[in-house]
PDB file of N, CA and C in Angstrom:
ATOM      1  N   UNK A   1      86.840 166.260  97.903  1.00  0.00           N
ATOM      2  CA  UNK A   1      85.804 164.936  98.153  1.00  0.00           C
ATOM      3  C   UNK A   1      85.618 164.517  96.759  1.00  0.00           C
ATOM      4  N   UNK A   2      85.283 162.800  96.624  1.00  0.00           N
ATOM      5  CA  UNK A   2      84.979 162.643  95.614  1.00  0.00           C
ATOM      6  C   UNK A   2      83.583 161.897  95.744  1.00  0.00           C
ATOM      7  N   UNK A   3      83.067 162.032  94.706  1.00  0.00           N
ATOM      8  CA  UNK A   3      81.712 161.475  94.752  1.00  0.00           C
ATOM      9  C   UNK A   3      81.640 160.100  94.178  1.00  0.00           C
ATOM     10  N   UNK A   4      80.571 159.157  94.468  1.00  0.00           N
ATOM     11  CA  UNK A   4      80.574 157.826  93.969  1.00  0.00           C
ATOM     12  C   UNK A   4      79.742 158.348  92.613  1.00  0.00           C
ATOM     13  N   UNK A   5      80.436 156.936  91.667  1.00  0.00           N
ATOM     14  CA  UNK A   5      79.728 156.746  90.406  1.00  0.00           C
ATOM     15  C   UNK A   5      78.301 156.091  90.626  1.00  0.00           C
ATOM     16  N   UNK A   6      76.845 156.347  90.676  1.00  0.00           N
ATOM     17  CA  UNK A   6      76.078 155.118  90.456  1.00  0.00           C
ATOM     18  C   UNK A   6      75.286 154.848  89.231  1.00  0.00           C
ATOM     19  N   UNK A   7      75.234 153.544  89.293  1.00  0.00           N
ATOM     20  CA  UNK A   7      74.673 153.074  87.650  1.00  0.00           C
ATOM     21  C   UNK A   7      74.148 151.685  87.924  1.00  0.00           C
ATOM     22  N   UNK A   8      73.024 151.543  87.777  1.00  0.00           N
ATOM     23  CA  UNK A   8      72.100 150.413  88.060  1.00  0.00           C
ATOM     24  C   UNK A   8      72.857 148.892  86.792  1.00  0.00           C
ATOM     25  N   UNK A   9      73.379 148.528  87.360  1.00  0.00           N
ATOM     26  CA  UNK A   9      73.961 147.212  86.516  1.00  0.00           C
ATOM     27  C   UNK A   9      73.025 146.376  85.281  1.00  0.00           C
ATOM     28  N   UNK A  10      71.713 146.820  85.772  1.00  0.00           N
ATOM     29  CA  UNK A  10      70.381 146.031  84.749  1.00  0.00           C
ATOM     30  C   UNK A  10      70.821 146.906  83.852  1.00  0.00           C
ATOM     31  N   UNK A  11      70.945 147.845  83.699  1.00  0.00           N
ATOM     32  CA  UNK A  11      71.235 148.790  82.370  1.00  0.00           C
ATOM     33  C   UNK A  11      72.122 148.933  81.524  1.00  0.00           C
ATOM     34  N   UNK A  12      73.237 148.000  82.013  1.00  0.00           N
ATOM     35  CA  UNK A  12      74.676 147.571  81.248  1.00  0.00           C
ATOM     36  C   UNK A  12      74.033 146.625  80.395  1.00  0.00           C
ATOM     37  N   UNK A  13      74.529 146.587  78.924  1.00  0.00           N
ATOM     38  CA  UNK A  13      74.124 145.851  78.259  1.00  0.00           C
ATOM     39  C   UNK A  13      75.641 145.053  77.607  1.00  0.00           C
ATOM     40  N   UNK A  14      75.541 143.678  77.840  1.00  0.00           N
ATOM     41  CA  UNK A  14      76.826 142.785  78.259  1.00  0.00           C
ATOM     42  C   UNK A  14      76.704 142.298  76.529  1.00  0.00           C
ATOM     43  N   UNK A  15      77.746 142.370  76.019  1.00  0.00           N
ATOM     44  CA  UNK A  15      78.264 141.957  74.293  1.00  0.00           C
ATOM     45  C   UNK A  15      78.280 140.362  74.447  1.00  0.00           C
ATOM     46  N   UNK A  16      77.626 139.743  73.290  1.00  0.00           N
ATOM     47  CA  UNK A  16      77.956 138.311  73.396  1.00  0.00           C
ATOM     48  C   UNK A  16      79.824 138.004  72.743  1.00  0.00           C
ATOM     49  N   UNK A  17      80.062 137.280  73.498  1.00  0.00           N
ATOM     50  CA  UNK A  17      81.486 136.701  73.398  1.00  0.00           C
ATOM     51  C   UNK A  17      81.877 136.540  72.025  1.00  0.00           C
ATOM     52  N   UNK A  18      82.844 136.556  71.224  1.00  0.00           N
ATOM     53  CA  UNK A  18      83.309 135.874  70.241  1.00  0.00           C
ATOM     54  C   UNK A  18      83.337 134.395  70.446  1.00  0.00           C
ATOM     55  N   UNK A  19      82.483 133.709  69.693  1.00  0.00           N
ATOM     56  CA  UNK A  19      82.468 131.794  70.198  1.00  0.00           C
ATOM     57  C   UNK A  19      82.887 130.838  69.287  1.00  0.00           C
ATOM     58  N   UNK A  20      82.911 131.609  67.811  1.00  0.00           N
ATOM     59  CA  UNK A  20      83.540 130.857  66.716  1.00  0.00           C
ATOM     60  C   UNK A  20      84.751 131.182  65.904  1.00  0.00           C
ATOM     61  N   UNK A  21      85.555 130.625  65.823  1.00  0.00           N
ATOM     62  CA  UNK A  21      86.489 130.650  64.912  1.00  0.00           C
ATOM     63  C   UNK A  21      86.794 129.878  63.605  1.00  0.00           C
ATOM     64  N   UNK A  22      86.588 130.537  62.819  1.00  0.00           N
ATOM     65  CA  UNK A  22      86.856 130.156  61.602  1.00  0.00           C
ATOM     66  C   UNK A  22      88.052 130.817  60.488  1.00  0.00           C
ATOM     67  N   UNK A  23      88.953 129.772  60.185  1.00  0.00           N
ATOM     68  CA  UNK A  23      89.998 130.485  59.806  1.00  0.00           C
ATOM     69  C   UNK A  23      90.702 129.700  58.497  1.00  0.00           C
ATOM     70  N   UNK A  24      91.518 129.855  57.666  1.00  0.00           N
ATOM     71  CA  UNK A  24      91.944 129.058  56.899  1.00  0.00           C
ATOM     72  C   UNK A  24      93.524 129.280  57.101  1.00  0.00           C
ATOM     73  N   UNK A  25      94.181 127.897  57.044  1.00  0.00           N
ATOM     74  CA  UNK A  25      95.410 127.653  57.146  1.00  0.00           C
ATOM     75  C   UNK A  25      96.172 126.855  56.211  1.00  0.00           C
ATOM     76  N   UNK A  26      97.526 127.954  55.635  1.00  0.00           N
ATOM     77  CA  UNK A  26      98.358 127.030  54.441  1.00  0.00           C
ATOM     78  C   UNK A  26      99.020 126.179  55.086  1.00  0.00           C
ATOM     79  N   UNK A  27      98.982 125.022  54.482  1.00  0.00           N
ATOM     80  CA  UNK A  27      99.364 123.535  54.938  1.00  0.00           C
ATOM     81  C   UNK A  27     101.049 123.699  54.937  1.00  0.00           C
ATOM     82  N   UNK A  28     101.353 124.896  54.249  1.00  0.00           N
ATOM     83  CA  UNK A  28     103.026 124.680  54.224  1.00  0.00           C
ATOM     84  C   UNK A  28     103.424 125.414  55.798  1.00  0.00           C
ATOM     85  N   UNK A  29     102.403 126.072  56.513  1.00  0.00           N
ATOM     86  CA  UNK A  29     103.099 126.585  57.683  1.00  0.00           C
ATOM     87  C   UNK A  29     103.075 125.420  58.823  1.00  0.00           C
ATOM     88  N   UNK A  30     102.065 124.459  58.127  1.00  0.00           N
ATOM     89  CA  UNK A  30     102.044 123.092  59.397  1.00  0.00           C
ATOM     90  C   UNK A  30     103.457 122.325  58.988  1.00  0.00           C
ATOM     91  N   UNK A  31     104.264 122.361  58.155  1.00  0.00           N
ATOM     92  CA  UNK A  31     105.252 121.255  58.050  1.00  0.00           C
ATOM     93  C   UNK A  31     106.627 122.156  57.621  1.00  0.00           C
ATOM     94  N   UNK A  32     107.730 120.562  57.962  1.00  0.00           N
ATOM     95  CA  UNK A  32     108.833 120.864  58.156  1.00  0.00           C
ATOM     96  C   UNK A  32     109.180 121.568  56.371  1.00  0.00           C
ATOM     97  N   UNK A  33     110.504 122.000  56.236  1.00  0.00           N
ATOM     98  CA  UNK A  33     110.729 122.757  55.120  1.00  0.00           C
ATOM     99  C   UNK A  33     111.172 121.995  54.184  1.00  0.00           C
ATOM    100  N   UNK A  34     111.678 120.769  54.665  1.00  0.00           N
ATOM    101  CA  UNK A  34     112.586 120.138  53.803  1.00  0.00           C
ATOM    102  C   UNK A  34     111.302 118.525  53.603  1.00  0.00           C
ATOM    103  N   UNK A  35     110.150 118.349  54.351  1.00  0.00           N
ATOM    104  CA  UNK A  35     109.277 117.051  54.032  1.00  0.00           C
ATOM    105  C   UNK A  35     107.823 117.611  54.216  1.00  0.00           C
ATOM    106  N   UNK A  36     107.192 116.597  53.266  1.00  0.00           N
ATOM    107  CA  UNK A  36     105.732 117.441  53.275  1.00  0.00           C
ATOM    108  C   UNK A  36     105.170 116.494  54.399  1.00  0.00           C
ATOM    109  N   UNK A  37     103.925 117.162  54.661  1.00  0.00           N
ATOM    110  CA  UNK A  37     103.127 116.445  55.726  1.00  0.00           C
ATOM    111  C   UNK A  37     102.142 115.447  55.444  1.00  0.00           C
ATOM    112  N   UNK A  38     102.785 114.471  55.951  1.00  0.00           N
ATOM    113  CA  UNK A  38     101.825 113.101  55.280  1.00  0.00           C
ATOM    114  C   UNK A  38     101.859 112.045  56.545  1.00  0.00           C
ATOM    115  N   UNK A  39     100.896 111.146  55.969  1.00  0.00           N
ATOM    116  CA  UNK A  39     100.928 109.993  56.788  1.00  0.00           C
ATOM    117  C   UNK A  39     100.759 108.618  55.768  1.00  0.00           C
ATOM    118  N   UNK A  40     101.885 107.789  55.894  1.00  0.00           N
ATOM    119  CA  UNK A  40     102.210 106.686  55.012  1.00  0.00           C
ATOM    120  C   UNK A  40     102.323 107.296  53.414  1.00  0.00           C
ATOM    121  N   UNK A  41     101.431 106.824  52.508  1.00  0.00           N
ATOM    122  CA  UNK A  41     101.497 107.444  51.366  1.00  0.00           C
ATOM    123  C   UNK A  41     100.551 108.695  51.095  1.00  0.00           C
ATOM    124  N   UNK A  42     100.106 108.968  51.729  1.00  0.00           N
ATOM    125  CA  UNK A  42      98.697 110.113  51.984  1.00  0.00           C
ATOM    126  C   UNK A  42      99.747 111.498  52.105  1.00  0.00           C
ATOM    127  N   UNK A  43      99.411 112.559  51.242  1.00  0.00           N
ATOM    128  CA  UNK A  43     100.601 113.476  51.760  1.00  0.00           C
ATOM    129  C   UNK A  43      99.628 115.104  51.330  1.00  0.00           C
ATOM    130  N   UNK A  44      99.761 115.789  52.086  1.00  0.00           N
ATOM    131  CA  UNK A  44      98.784 117.353  52.006  1.00  0.00           C
ATOM    132  C   UNK A  44      99.963 118.113  51.201  1.00  0.00           C
ATOM    133  N   UNK A  45      99.534 118.587  50.006  1.00  0.00           N
ATOM    134  CA  UNK A  45     100.163 119.723  49.381  1.00  0.00           C
ATOM    135  C   UNK A  45     100.362 120.884  50.051  1.00  0.00           C
ATOM    136  N   UNK A  46     101.822 121.278  49.975  1.00  0.00           N
ATOM    137  CA  UNK A  46     102.303 122.499  50.560  1.00  0.00           C
ATOM    138  C   UNK A  46     101.074 123.870  50.247  1.00  0.00           C
ATOM    139  N   UNK A  47     100.652 123.448  48.907  1.00  0.00           N
ATOM    140  CA  UNK A  47      99.625 124.625  48.477  1.00  0.00           C
ATOM    141  C   UNK A  47      98.460 124.810  49.189  1.00  0.00           C
ATOM    142  N   UNK A  48      98.347 123.380  49.647  1.00  0.00           N
ATOM    143  CA  UNK A  48      96.595 123.474  50.220  1.00  0.00           C
ATOM    144  C   UNK A  48      96.109 123.961  51.373  1.00  0.00           C
ATOM    145  N   UNK A  49      94.852 124.392  51.545  1.00  0.00           N
ATOM    146  CA  UNK A  49      94.619 125.455  52.796  1.00  0.00           C
ATOM    147  C   UNK A  49      93.548 124.587  53.574  1.00  0.00           C
ATOM    148  N   UNK A  50      94.211 124.398  54.908  1.00  0.00           N
ATOM    149  CA  UNK A  50      93.319 123.869  55.955  1.00  0.00           C
ATOM    150  C   UNK A  50      92.092 124.554  56.500  1.00  0.00           C
ATOM    151  N   UNK A  51      90.957 124.426  56.426  1.00  0.00           N
ATOM    152  CA  UNK A  51      90.116 125.073  56.725  1.00  0.00           C
ATOM    153  C   UNK A  51      89.769 124.655  58.457  1.00  0.00           C
ATOM    154  N   UNK A  52      89.765 125.450  59.180  1.00  0.00           N
ATOM    155  CA  UNK A  52      89.568 125.256  60.600  1.00  0.00           C
ATOM    156  C   UNK A  52      88.171 126.169  61.197  1.00  0.00           C
ATOM    157  N   UNK A  53      87.006 125.254  61.666  1.00  0.00           N
ATOM    158  CA  UNK A  53      85.948 125.964  62.004  1.00  0.00           C
ATOM    159  C   UNK A  53      85.339 125.262  63.424  1.00  0.00           C
ATOM    160  N   UNK A  54      85.647 126.228  64.122  1.00  0.00           N
ATOM    161  CA  UNK A  54      85.353 125.532  65.837  1.00  0.00           C
ATOM    162  C   UNK A  54      84.789 126.853  66.595  1.00  0.00           C
ATOM    163  N   UNK A  55      83.954 126.126  67.413  1.00  0.00           N
ATOM    164  CA  UNK A  55      82.751 127.141  68.384  1.00  0.00           C
ATOM    165  C   UNK A  55      83.644 126.731  69.674  1.00  0.00           C
ATOM    166  N   UNK A  56      83.847 127.622  70.678  1.00  0.00           N
ATOM    167  CA  UNK A  56      84.234 127.745  71.837  1.00  0.00           C
ATOM    168  C   UNK A  56      83.309 127.936  73.034  1.00  0.00           C
ATOM    169  N   UNK A  57      82.826 127.047  74.098  1.00  0.00           N
ATOM    170  CA  UNK A  57      81.983 127.224  75.531  1.00  0.00           C
ATOM    171  C   UNK A  57      82.605 127.153  76.750  1.00  0.00           C
ATOM    172  N   UNK A  58      81.927 127.968  77.526  1.00  0.00           N
ATOM    173  CA  UNK A  58      82.418 128.312  78.846  1.00  0.00           C
ATOM    174  C   UNK A  58      81.839 127.254  79.589  1.00  0.00           C
ATOM    175  N   UNK A  59      82.122 126.571  80.287  1.00  0.00           N
ATOM    176  CA  UNK A  59      81.436 125.208  80.878  1.00  0.00           C
ATOM    177  C   UNK A  59      82.200 125.291  82.633  1.00  0.00           C
ATOM    178  N   UNK A  60      81.670 125.174  83.382  1.00  0.00           N
ATOM    179  CA  UNK A  60      82.274 124.930  84.831  1.00  0.00           C
ATOM    180  C   UNK A  60      83.775 124.002  84.460  1.00  0.00           C
ATOM    181  N   UNK A  61      84.610 124.452  85.368  1.00  0.00           N
ATOM    182  CA  UNK A  61      86.087 124.172  85.144  1.00  0.00           C
ATOM    183  C   UNK A  61      86.670 124.429  83.736  1.00  0.00           C
ATOM    184  N   UNK A  62      86.166 124.938  82.631  1.00  0.00           N
ATOM    185  CA  UNK A  62      87.131 125.575  81.320  1.00  0.00           C
ATOM    186  C   UNK A  62      86.313 125.832  80.339  1.00  0.00           C
ATOM    187  N   UNK A  63      86.948 125.609  79.298  1.00  0.00           N
ATOM    188  CA  UNK A  63      86.475 125.727  78.402  1.00  0.00           C
ATOM    189  C   UNK A  63      86.320 124.663  77.215  1.00  0.00           C
ATOM    190  N   UNK A  64      84.784 124.681  76.378  1.00  0.00           N
ATOM    191  CA  UNK A  64      84.848 123.511  75.300  1.00  0.00           C
ATOM    192  C   UNK A  64      85.102 123.880  74.055  1.00  0.00           C
ATOM    193  N   UNK A  65      85.962 122.824  73.369  1.00  0.00           N
ATOM    194  CA  UNK A  65      86.188 123.285  71.857  1.00  0.00           C
ATOM    195  C   UNK A  65      85.685 122.176  70.928  1.00  0.00           C
ATOM    196  N   UNK A  66      84.545 122.564  69.841  1.00  0.00           N
ATOM    197  CA  UNK A  66      83.919 121.459  69.286  1.00  0.00           C
ATOM    198  C   UNK A  66      84.174 122.587  67.588  1.00  0.00           C
ATOM    199  N   UNK A  67      84.056 121.401  66.838  1.00  0.00           N
ATOM    200  CA  UNK A  67      84.221 121.825  65.279  1.00  0.00           C
ATOM    201  C   UNK A  67      84.833 120.727  64.433  1.00  0.00           C
ATOM    202  N   UNK A  68      85.537 120.934  63.308  1.00  0.00           N
ATOM    203  CA  UNK A  68      86.328 120.125  62.511  1.00  0.00           C
ATOM    204  C   UNK A  68      87.325 121.123  61.651  1.00  0.00           C
ATOM    205  N   UNK A  69      88.253 120.229  61.346  1.00  0.00           N
ATOM    206  CA  UNK A  69      89.414 121.190  60.615  1.00  0.00           C
ATOM    207  C   UNK A  69      89.390 119.698  59.295  1.00  0.00           C
ATOM    208  N   UNK A  70      89.233 120.903  58.351  1.00  0.00           N
ATOM    209  CA  UNK A  70      89.247 119.632  56.699  1.00  0.00           C
ATOM    210  C   UNK A  70      90.026 119.935  55.923  1.00  0.00           C
ATOM    211  N   UNK A  71      90.735 119.241  55.308  1.00  0.00           N
ATOM    212  CA  UNK A  71      91.869 119.733  54.107  1.00  0.00           C
ATOM    213  C   UNK A  71      91.638 118.469  52.992  1.00  0.00           C
ATOM    214  N   UNK A  72      92.109 119.086  51.888  1.00  0.00           N
ATOM    215  CA  UNK A  72      92.353 118.121  50.655  1.00  0.00           C
ATOM    216  C   UNK A  72      93.820 117.118  50.804  1.00  0.00           C
ATOM    217  N   UNK A  73      93.739 115.970  50.307  1.00  0.00           N
ATOM    218  CA  UNK A  73      94.861 114.929  50.543  1.00  0.00           C
ATOM    219  C   UNK A  73      95.111 114.352  48.879  1.00  0.00           C
ATOM    220  N   UNK A  74      96.287 114.008  48.839  1.00  0.00           N
ATOM    221  CA  UNK A  74      96.569 113.712  47.361  1.00  0.00           C
ATOM    222  C   UNK A  74      97.276 112.123  47.763  1.00  0.00           C
ATOM    223  N   UNK A  75      97.041 111.225  47.019  1.00  0.00           N
ATOM    224  CA  UNK A  75      98.042 109.710  47.318  1.00  0.00           C
ATOM    225  C   UNK A  75      97.944 109.198  45.707  1.00  0.00           C
ATOM    226  N   UNK A  76      98.818 108.056  45.918  1.00  0.00           N
ATOM    227  CA  UNK A  76      98.826 107.281  44.354  1.00  0.00           C
ATOM    228  C   UNK A  76      98.007 106.252  44.811  1.00  0.00           C
ATOM    229  N   UNK A  77      97.305 105.422  44.143  1.00  0.00           N
ATOM    230  CA  UNK A  77      96.142 104.422  44.650  1.00  0.00           C
ATOM    231  C   UNK A  77      97.357 103.187  44.170  1.00  0.00           C
ATOM    232  N   UNK A  78      97.133 102.418  45.388  1.00  0.00           N
ATOM    233  CA  UNK A  78      98.222 100.884  45.336  1.00  0.00           C
ATOM    234  C   UNK A  78      97.706 100.168  44.301  1.00  0.00           C
ATOM    235  N   UNK A  79      96.565 100.168  44.177  1.00  0.00           N
ATOM    236  CA  UNK A  79      96.202  99.233  43.168  1.00  0.00           C
ATOM    237  C   UNK A  79      95.772  99.288  41.234  1.00  0.00           C
ATOM    238  N   UNK A  80      95.649 100.553  41.180  1.00  0.00           N
ATOM    239  CA  UNK A  80      95.698 101.292  39.611  1.00  0.00           C
ATOM    240  C   UNK A  80      96.959 102.047  39.757  1.00  0.00           C
ATOM    241  N   UNK A  81      97.680 102.675  40.740  1.00  0.00           N
ATOM    242  CA  UNK A  81      98.917 103.618  40.449  1.00  0.00           C
ATOM    243  C   UNK A  81      98.710 105.074  39.849  1.00  0.00           C
ATOM    244  N   UNK A  82      97.476 105.223  40.081  1.00  0.00           N
ATOM    245  CA  UNK A  82      97.168 106.681  39.773  1.00  0.00           C
ATOM    246  C   UNK A  82      96.955 107.345  40.762  1.00  0.00           C
ATOM    247  N   UNK A  83      96.787 108.791  40.876  1.00  0.00           N
ATOM    248  CA  UNK A  83      96.806 109.756  41.403  1.00  0.00           C
ATOM    249  C   UNK A  83      95.303 110.077  42.023  1.00  0.00           C
ATOM    250  N   UNK A  84      95.004 109.826  43.367  1.00  0.00           N
ATOM    251  CA  UNK A  84      93.288 109.978  43.918  1.00  0.00           C
ATOM    252  C   UNK A  84      93.966 111.063  44.915  1.00  0.00           C
ATOM    253  N   UNK A  85      92.566 111.495  45.135  1.00  0.00           N
ATOM    254  CA  UNK A  85      92.512 112.587  46.225  1.00  0.00           C
ATOM    255  C   UNK A  85      91.270 112.660  46.994  1.00  0.00           C
ATOM    256  N   UNK A  86      91.328 113.173  48.076  1.00  0.00           N
ATOM    257  CA  UNK A  86      89.862 113.113  49.017  1.00  0.00           C
ATOM    258  C   UNK A  86      89.750 114.321  49.773  1.00  0.00           C
ATOM    259  N   UNK A  87      88.870 114.322  50.612  1.00  0.00           N
ATOM    260  CA  UNK A  87      88.691 115.439  51.560  1.00  0.00           C
ATOM    261  C   UNK A  87      88.792 114.763  52.809  1.00  0.00           C
ATOM    262  N   UNK A  88      89.788 115.292  53.846  1.00  0.00           N
ATOM    263  CA  UNK A  88      90.200 114.851  55.272  1.00  0.00           C
ATOM    264  C   UNK A  88      89.391 115.654  56.287  1.00  0.00           C
ATOM    265  N   UNK A  89      88.351 114.776  57.081  1.00  0.00           N
ATOM    266  CA  UNK A  89      87.602 115.826  57.497  1.00  0.00           C
ATOM    267  C   UNK A  89      87.879 115.255  59.422  1.00  0.00           C
ATOM    268  N   UNK A  90      88.549 116.216  60.078  1.00  0.00           N
ATOM    269  CA  UNK A  90      88.754 115.776  61.474  1.00  0.00           C
ATOM    270  C   UNK A  90      87.747 116.472  62.368  1.00  0.00           C
ATOM    271  N   UNK A  91      87.252 115.873  63.303  1.00  0.00           N
ATOM    272  CA  UNK A  91      86.103 115.967  63.997  1.00  0.00           C
ATOM    273  C   UNK A  91      86.911 116.547  65.513  1.00  0.00           C
ATOM    274  N   UNK A  92      86.641 117.598  65.880  1.00  0.00           N
ATOM    275  CA  UNK A  92      87.463 117.978  67.503  1.00  0.00           C
ATOM    276  C   UNK A  92      86.351 118.541  68.325  1.00  0.00           C
ATOM    277  N   UNK A  93      86.887 117.837  69.239  1.00  0.00           N
ATOM    278  CA  UNK A  93      85.637 117.723  70.720  1.00  0.00           C
ATOM    279  C   UNK A  93      86.862 117.815  72.150  1.00  0.00           C
ATOM    280  N   UNK A  94      87.223 118.789  72.599  1.00  0.00           N
ATOM    281  CA  UNK A  94      88.046 118.887  73.659  1.00  0.00           C
ATOM    282  C   UNK A  94      87.716 119.948  74.695  1.00  0.00           C
ATOM    283  N   UNK A  95      87.873 119.605  75.493  1.00  0.00           N
ATOM    284  CA  UNK A  95      87.860 120.163  77.129  1.00  0.00           C
ATOM    285  C   UNK A  95      88.872 120.990  77.674  1.00  0.00           C
TER     286      UNK A  95
END
């Protein structure tokens, strides 16, 4: 004979899901072995780290992802021919 286990559902504590994802990704992992990751004259050094900061939310019909990805870039100034650098930030909003 089997006995039933009865437990009031309101007494169960639900843990909050992990909603954020913060990670550092080596640019070297994102590029081909033979060519640097670049757009025009702007290149990302293989030694740089891309910072990924995302938040996930469940919505009706899927999951939304919001956040940003940032990385330092280098290029040669077309006017003075000196090395310049900056921070590239991509805002992410996806369903």
